[in-house]
């Protein structure tokens, strides 16, 4: 696996058929975070449900590393997701 740039942080792992993990290097103020100790990770799973349907599961973890402000951002995102998809699990 080679690391590749992305708009929100480097890809940490990606192998076909396995989950992909990338670094979320964006602060609660929506600025690039350069301190790796203040970044989180997003893991992405692609689950085949039918030949024509794939479910995408996201796990955004270690949000507490971002420090003050992330509880507000997380609550806002959860409300927005729940409004468009009742299947969103918190």
C-alpha atoms as a PDB file:
ATOM      1  CA  UNK A   1       0.000   0.000   0.000  1.00  0.00           C
ATOM      2  CA  UNK A   2       1.340   3.395  -0.879  1.00  0.00           C
ATOM      3  CA  UNK A   3       0.186   6.514   0.864  1.00  0.00           C
ATOM      4  CA  UNK A   4      -1.570   8.998  -1.335  1.00  0.00           C
ATOM      5  CA  UNK A   5      -2.704  12.557  -0.702  1.00  0.00           C
ATOM      6  CA  UNK A   6      -6.340  13.467  -0.227  1.00  0.00           C
ATOM      7  CA  UNK A   7      -8.065  16.762   0.535  1.00  0.00           C
ATOM      8  CA  UNK A   8      -8.551  15.870   4.216  1.00  0.00           C
ATOM      9  CA  UNK A   9      -5.416  13.830   4.990  1.00  0.00           C
ATOM     10  CA  UNK A  10      -3.264  10.928   3.842  1.00  0.00           C
ATOM     11  CA  UNK A  11      -4.685   7.499   3.160  1.00  0.00           C
ATOM     12  CA  UNK A  12      -3.368   5.171   5.851  1.00  0.00           C
ATOM     13  CA  UNK A  13      -4.521   1.813   4.495  1.00  0.00           C
ATOM     14  CA  UNK A  14      -6.318   0.570   1.425  1.00  0.00           C
ATOM     15  CA  UNK A  15      -6.421  -2.899  -0.022  1.00  0.00           C
ATOM     16  CA  UNK A  16      -9.178  -4.043  -2.385  1.00  0.00           C
ATOM     17  CA  UNK A  17     -11.956  -5.882  -0.504  1.00  0.00           C
ATOM     18  CA  UNK A  18     -10.604  -4.620   2.832  1.00  0.00           C
ATOM     19  CA  UNK A  19     -11.592  -1.456   4.677  1.00  0.00           C
ATOM     20  CA  UNK A  20      -9.787   1.732   3.760  1.00  0.00           C
ATOM     21  CA  UNK A  21      -8.542   4.104   6.462  1.00  0.00           C
ATOM     22  CA  UNK A  22      -7.616   7.726   5.965  1.00  0.00           C
ATOM     23  CA  UNK A  23      -6.484  10.468   8.272  1.00  0.00           C
ATOM     24  CA  UNK A  24      -8.895  13.363   8.962  1.00  0.00           C
ATOM     25  CA  UNK A  25      -6.530  16.322   9.160  1.00  0.00           C
ATOM     26  CA  UNK A  26      -9.156  19.058   9.408  1.00  0.00           C
ATOM     27  CA  UNK A  27      -9.651  21.050  12.611  1.00  0.00           C
ATOM     28  CA  UNK A  28     -13.003  22.052  14.166  1.00  0.00           C
ATOM     29  CA  UNK A  29     -12.394  25.444  12.508  1.00  0.00           C
ATOM     30  CA  UNK A  30     -12.226  23.687   9.103  1.00  0.00           C
ATOM     31  CA  UNK A  31      -8.492  24.402   8.717  1.00  0.00           C
ATOM     32  CA  UNK A  32      -5.756  21.909   7.826  1.00  0.00           C
ATOM     33  CA  UNK A  33      -4.317  20.349  11.000  1.00  0.00           C
ATOM     34  CA  UNK A  34      -0.582  19.687  10.747  1.00  0.00           C
ATOM     35  CA  UNK A  35      -0.110  18.060  14.187  1.00  0.00           C
ATOM     36  CA  UNK A  36      -0.720  14.282  13.765  1.00  0.00           C
ATOM     37  CA  UNK A  37      -1.605  14.112  17.468  1.00  0.00           C
ATOM     38  CA  UNK A  38      -4.654  16.276  16.751  1.00  0.00           C
ATOM     39  CA  UNK A  39      -6.024  14.251  13.831  1.00  0.00           C
ATOM     40  CA  UNK A  40      -8.579  11.447  13.672  1.00  0.00           C
ATOM     41  CA  UNK A  41      -9.193   8.487  11.370  1.00  0.00           C
ATOM     42  CA  UNK A  42     -12.012   7.489   9.072  1.00  0.00           C
ATOM     43  CA  UNK A  43     -12.460   3.812   8.215  1.00  0.00           C
ATOM     44  CA  UNK A  44     -14.595   2.986   5.181  1.00  0.00           C
ATOM     45  CA  UNK A  45     -16.232  -0.386   4.531  1.00  0.00           C
ATOM     46  CA  UNK A  46     -18.026  -1.327   1.310  1.00  0.00           C
ATOM     47  CA  UNK A  47     -20.624  -4.038   1.922  1.00  0.00           C
ATOM     48  CA  UNK A  48     -22.252  -5.746  -1.055  1.00  0.00           C
ATOM     49  CA  UNK A  49     -25.968  -6.107  -0.400  1.00  0.00           C
ATOM     50  CA  UNK A  50     -27.136  -7.168  -3.859  1.00  0.00           C
ATOM     51  CA  UNK A  51     -25.475  -7.219  -7.294  1.00  0.00           C
ATOM     52  CA  UNK A  52     -26.770  -3.652  -7.799  1.00  0.00           C
ATOM     53  CA  UNK A  53     -26.454  -2.258  -4.283  1.00  0.00           C
ATOM     54  CA  UNK A  54     -23.485  -1.502  -2.041  1.00  0.00           C
ATOM     55  CA  UNK A  55     -23.745  -0.118   1.483  1.00  0.00           C
ATOM     56  CA  UNK A  56     -20.982   2.261   2.585  1.00  0.00           C
ATOM     57  CA  UNK A  57     -20.173   2.206   6.292  1.00  0.00           C
ATOM     58  CA  UNK A  58     -18.026   4.945   7.823  1.00  0.00           C
ATOM     59  CA  UNK A  59     -16.425   4.932  11.257  1.00  0.00           C
ATOM     60  CA  UNK A  60     -14.875   8.239  12.277  1.00  0.00           C
ATOM     61  CA  UNK A  61     -12.814   7.581  15.392  1.00  0.00           C
ATOM     62  CA  UNK A  62     -10.506   9.416  17.791  1.00  0.00           C
ATOM     63  CA  UNK A  63     -12.456  12.660  17.417  1.00  0.00           C
ATOM     64  CA  UNK A  64     -11.384  13.685  20.913  1.00  0.00           C
ATOM     65  CA  UNK A  65      -7.858  14.237  19.540  1.00  0.00           C
ATOM     66  CA  UNK A  66      -9.131  17.372  17.785  1.00  0.00           C
ATOM     67  CA  UNK A  67      -9.701  19.079  21.125  1.00  0.00           C
ATOM     68  CA  UNK A  68     -12.273  21.702  21.966  1.00  0.00           C
ATOM     69  CA  UNK A  69     -14.961  22.260  19.367  1.00  0.00           C
ATOM     70  CA  UNK A  70     -15.364  18.715  18.072  1.00  0.00           C
ATOM     71  CA  UNK A  71     -18.319  17.815  20.274  1.00  0.00           C
ATOM     72  CA  UNK A  72     -20.286  20.624  18.578  1.00  0.00           C
ATOM     73  CA  UNK A  73     -19.176  19.550  15.081  1.00  0.00           C
ATOM     74  CA  UNK A  74     -20.038  15.896  15.787  1.00  0.00           C
ATOM     75  CA  UNK A  75     -23.501  16.737  17.159  1.00  0.00           C
ATOM     76  CA  UNK A  76     -24.246  18.935  14.151  1.00  0.00           C
ATOM     77  CA  UNK A  77     -23.155  16.218  11.689  1.00  0.00           C
ATOM     78  CA  UNK A  78     -25.241  13.584  13.498  1.00  0.00           C
ATOM     79  CA  UNK A  79     -28.362  15.771  13.308  1.00  0.00           C
ATOM     80  CA  UNK A  80     -27.852  16.422   9.590  1.00  0.00           C
ATOM     81  CA  UNK A  81     -27.267  12.759   8.786  1.00  0.00           C
ATOM     82  CA  UNK A  82     -30.283  11.632  10.810  1.00  0.00           C
ATOM     83  CA  UNK A  83     -32.441  14.126   8.915  1.00  0.00           C
ATOM     84  CA  UNK A  84     -31.567  12.572   5.553  1.00  0.00           C
ATOM     85  CA  UNK A  85     -31.172   8.929   6.572  1.00  0.00           C
ATOM     86  CA  UNK A  86     -33.059   7.258   9.416  1.00  0.00           C
ATOM     87  CA  UNK A  87     -30.624   4.341   9.157  1.00  0.00           C
ATOM     88  CA  UNK A  88     -27.723   6.394  10.522  1.00  0.00           C
ATOM     89  CA  UNK A  89     -26.378   4.852  13.709  1.00  0.00           C
ATOM     90  CA  UNK A  90     -24.684   7.072  16.262  1.00  0.00           C
END
